[in-house]
């Protein structure tokens, strides 16, 4: 069964989590580790590019997410 990886700075409400279970059939919600959450929530506005800055985020997703999983993303427009 698919998992839902969260990539934003707050938790899902119970209603949002239930909707994810019902609409996309997830069985687990996976929050990012603190270091990834902190990095994602503090994207410096003066960066010329975010590719290198976001490397730990990509590594986390590539290490844990797999085929059929979902990622819910919300945050800095350039990072999304």
C-alpha atoms as a PDB file:
ATOM      1  CA  UNK A   1       0.000   0.000   0.000  1.00  0.00           C
ATOM      2  CA  UNK A   2       1.240   3.491  -0.753  1.00  0.00           C
ATOM      3  CA  UNK A   3       2.585   5.908   1.802  1.00  0.00           C
ATOM      4  CA  UNK A   4       2.145   9.678   1.920  1.00  0.00           C
ATOM      5  CA  UNK A   5       5.343  11.642   2.460  1.00  0.00           C
ATOM      6  CA  UNK A   6       4.819  15.144   3.833  1.00  0.00           C
ATOM      7  CA  UNK A   7       7.038  17.978   2.728  1.00  0.00           C
ATOM      8  CA  UNK A   8       5.715  21.034   4.508  1.00  0.00           C
ATOM      9  CA  UNK A   9       5.974  22.771   7.858  1.00  0.00           C
ATOM     10  CA  UNK A  10       2.829  21.670   9.635  1.00  0.00           C
ATOM     11  CA  UNK A  11       0.968  18.495  10.466  1.00  0.00           C
ATOM     12  CA  UNK A  12      -2.088  17.234   8.646  1.00  0.00           C
ATOM     13  CA  UNK A  13      -5.390  17.825  10.356  1.00  0.00           C
ATOM     14  CA  UNK A  14      -7.293  14.650  11.239  1.00  0.00           C
ATOM     15  CA  UNK A  15      -9.721  15.459   8.408  1.00  0.00           C
ATOM     16  CA  UNK A  16      -6.884  15.844   5.875  1.00  0.00           C
ATOM     17  CA  UNK A  17      -5.307  12.576   6.976  1.00  0.00           C
ATOM     18  CA  UNK A  18      -8.632  10.743   6.718  1.00  0.00           C
ATOM     19  CA  UNK A  19      -9.147  12.198   3.237  1.00  0.00           C
ATOM     20  CA  UNK A  20      -5.712  10.913   2.178  1.00  0.00           C
ATOM     21  CA  UNK A  21      -6.543   7.449   3.527  1.00  0.00           C
ATOM     22  CA  UNK A  22      -9.892   7.426   1.731  1.00  0.00           C
ATOM     23  CA  UNK A  23      -9.004   9.113  -1.580  1.00  0.00           C
ATOM     24  CA  UNK A  24      -5.568   7.706  -2.398  1.00  0.00           C
ATOM     25  CA  UNK A  25      -5.534   4.620  -0.213  1.00  0.00           C
ATOM     26  CA  UNK A  26      -2.414   5.370   1.813  1.00  0.00           C
ATOM     27  CA  UNK A  27      -1.540   3.247   4.821  1.00  0.00           C
ATOM     28  CA  UNK A  28       1.127   5.467   6.414  1.00  0.00           C
ATOM     29  CA  UNK A  29       1.876   9.182   6.688  1.00  0.00           C
ATOM     30  CA  UNK A  30       5.617   9.879   6.774  1.00  0.00           C
ATOM     31  CA  UNK A  31       6.817  13.209   8.169  1.00  0.00           C
ATOM     32  CA  UNK A  32      10.302  14.428   7.293  1.00  0.00           C
ATOM     33  CA  UNK A  33      13.045  14.146   9.900  1.00  0.00           C
ATOM     34  CA  UNK A  34      13.740  17.344  11.858  1.00  0.00           C
ATOM     35  CA  UNK A  35      16.796  18.291   9.814  1.00  0.00           C
ATOM     36  CA  UNK A  36      14.824  18.067   6.545  1.00  0.00           C
ATOM     37  CA  UNK A  37      11.816  19.885   8.030  1.00  0.00           C
ATOM     38  CA  UNK A  38      14.037  22.695   9.332  1.00  0.00           C
ATOM     39  CA  UNK A  39      15.851  23.045   6.026  1.00  0.00           C
ATOM     40  CA  UNK A  40      12.570  23.069   4.077  1.00  0.00           C
ATOM     41  CA  UNK A  41      11.066  25.692   6.387  1.00  0.00           C
ATOM     42  CA  UNK A  42      14.005  28.085   6.190  1.00  0.00           C
ATOM     43  CA  UNK A  43      14.857  28.452   2.504  1.00  0.00           C
ATOM     44  CA  UNK A  44      16.963  31.638   2.369  1.00  0.00           C
ATOM     45  CA  UNK A  45      15.351  34.245   0.095  1.00  0.00           C
ATOM     46  CA  UNK A  46      18.698  35.404  -1.292  1.00  0.00           C
ATOM     47  CA  UNK A  47      19.841  32.092  -2.804  1.00  0.00           C
ATOM     48  CA  UNK A  48      20.663  32.250  -6.499  1.00  0.00           C
ATOM     49  CA  UNK A  49      19.423  28.665  -6.806  1.00  0.00           C
ATOM     50  CA  UNK A  50      17.999  26.018  -4.482  1.00  0.00           C
ATOM     51  CA  UNK A  51      19.321  22.829  -6.083  1.00  0.00           C
ATOM     52  CA  UNK A  52      22.316  22.319  -3.786  1.00  0.00           C
ATOM     53  CA  UNK A  53      20.531  23.708  -0.742  1.00  0.00           C
ATOM     54  CA  UNK A  54      17.752  21.130  -1.134  1.00  0.00           C
ATOM     55  CA  UNK A  55      20.050  18.146  -1.657  1.00  0.00           C
ATOM     56  CA  UNK A  56      19.207  16.655   1.793  1.00  0.00           C
ATOM     57  CA  UNK A  57      15.503  16.841   0.926  1.00  0.00           C
ATOM     58  CA  UNK A  58      16.038  14.963  -2.337  1.00  0.00           C
ATOM     59  CA  UNK A  59      18.236  12.402  -0.580  1.00  0.00           C
ATOM     60  CA  UNK A  60      15.567  11.770   2.070  1.00  0.00           C
ATOM     61  CA  UNK A  61      12.867  11.198  -0.528  1.00  0.00           C
ATOM     62  CA  UNK A  62      15.087   9.059  -2.759  1.00  0.00           C
ATOM     63  CA  UNK A  63      16.125   6.940   0.233  1.00  0.00           C
ATOM     64  CA  UNK A  64      12.661   6.267   1.621  1.00  0.00           C
ATOM     65  CA  UNK A  65       9.944   6.889  -0.968  1.00  0.00           C
ATOM     66  CA  UNK A  66       9.252   4.282  -3.587  1.00  0.00           C
ATOM     67  CA  UNK A  67       7.064   3.494  -6.559  1.00  0.00           C
ATOM     68  CA  UNK A  68       3.410   4.103  -5.768  1.00  0.00           C
ATOM     69  CA  UNK A  69       4.091   6.458  -2.847  1.00  0.00           C
ATOM     70  CA  UNK A  70       2.788  10.025  -2.817  1.00  0.00           C
ATOM     71  CA  UNK A  71       4.416  13.300  -1.731  1.00  0.00           C
ATOM     72  CA  UNK A  72       2.372  16.242  -0.459  1.00  0.00           C
ATOM     73  CA  UNK A  73       4.414  19.425  -0.958  1.00  0.00           C
ATOM     74  CA  UNK A  74       3.802  22.955   0.239  1.00  0.00           C
ATOM     75  CA  UNK A  75       6.342  25.693   0.797  1.00  0.00           C
ATOM     76  CA  UNK A  76       8.653  28.125  -0.923  1.00  0.00           C
ATOM     77  CA  UNK A  77       7.551  28.477  -4.559  1.00  0.00           C
ATOM     78  CA  UNK A  78      11.057  28.037  -5.975  1.00  0.00           C
ATOM     79  CA  UNK A  79      11.691  24.988  -3.820  1.00  0.00           C
ATOM     80  CA  UNK A  80       8.418  23.323  -4.749  1.00  0.00           C
END
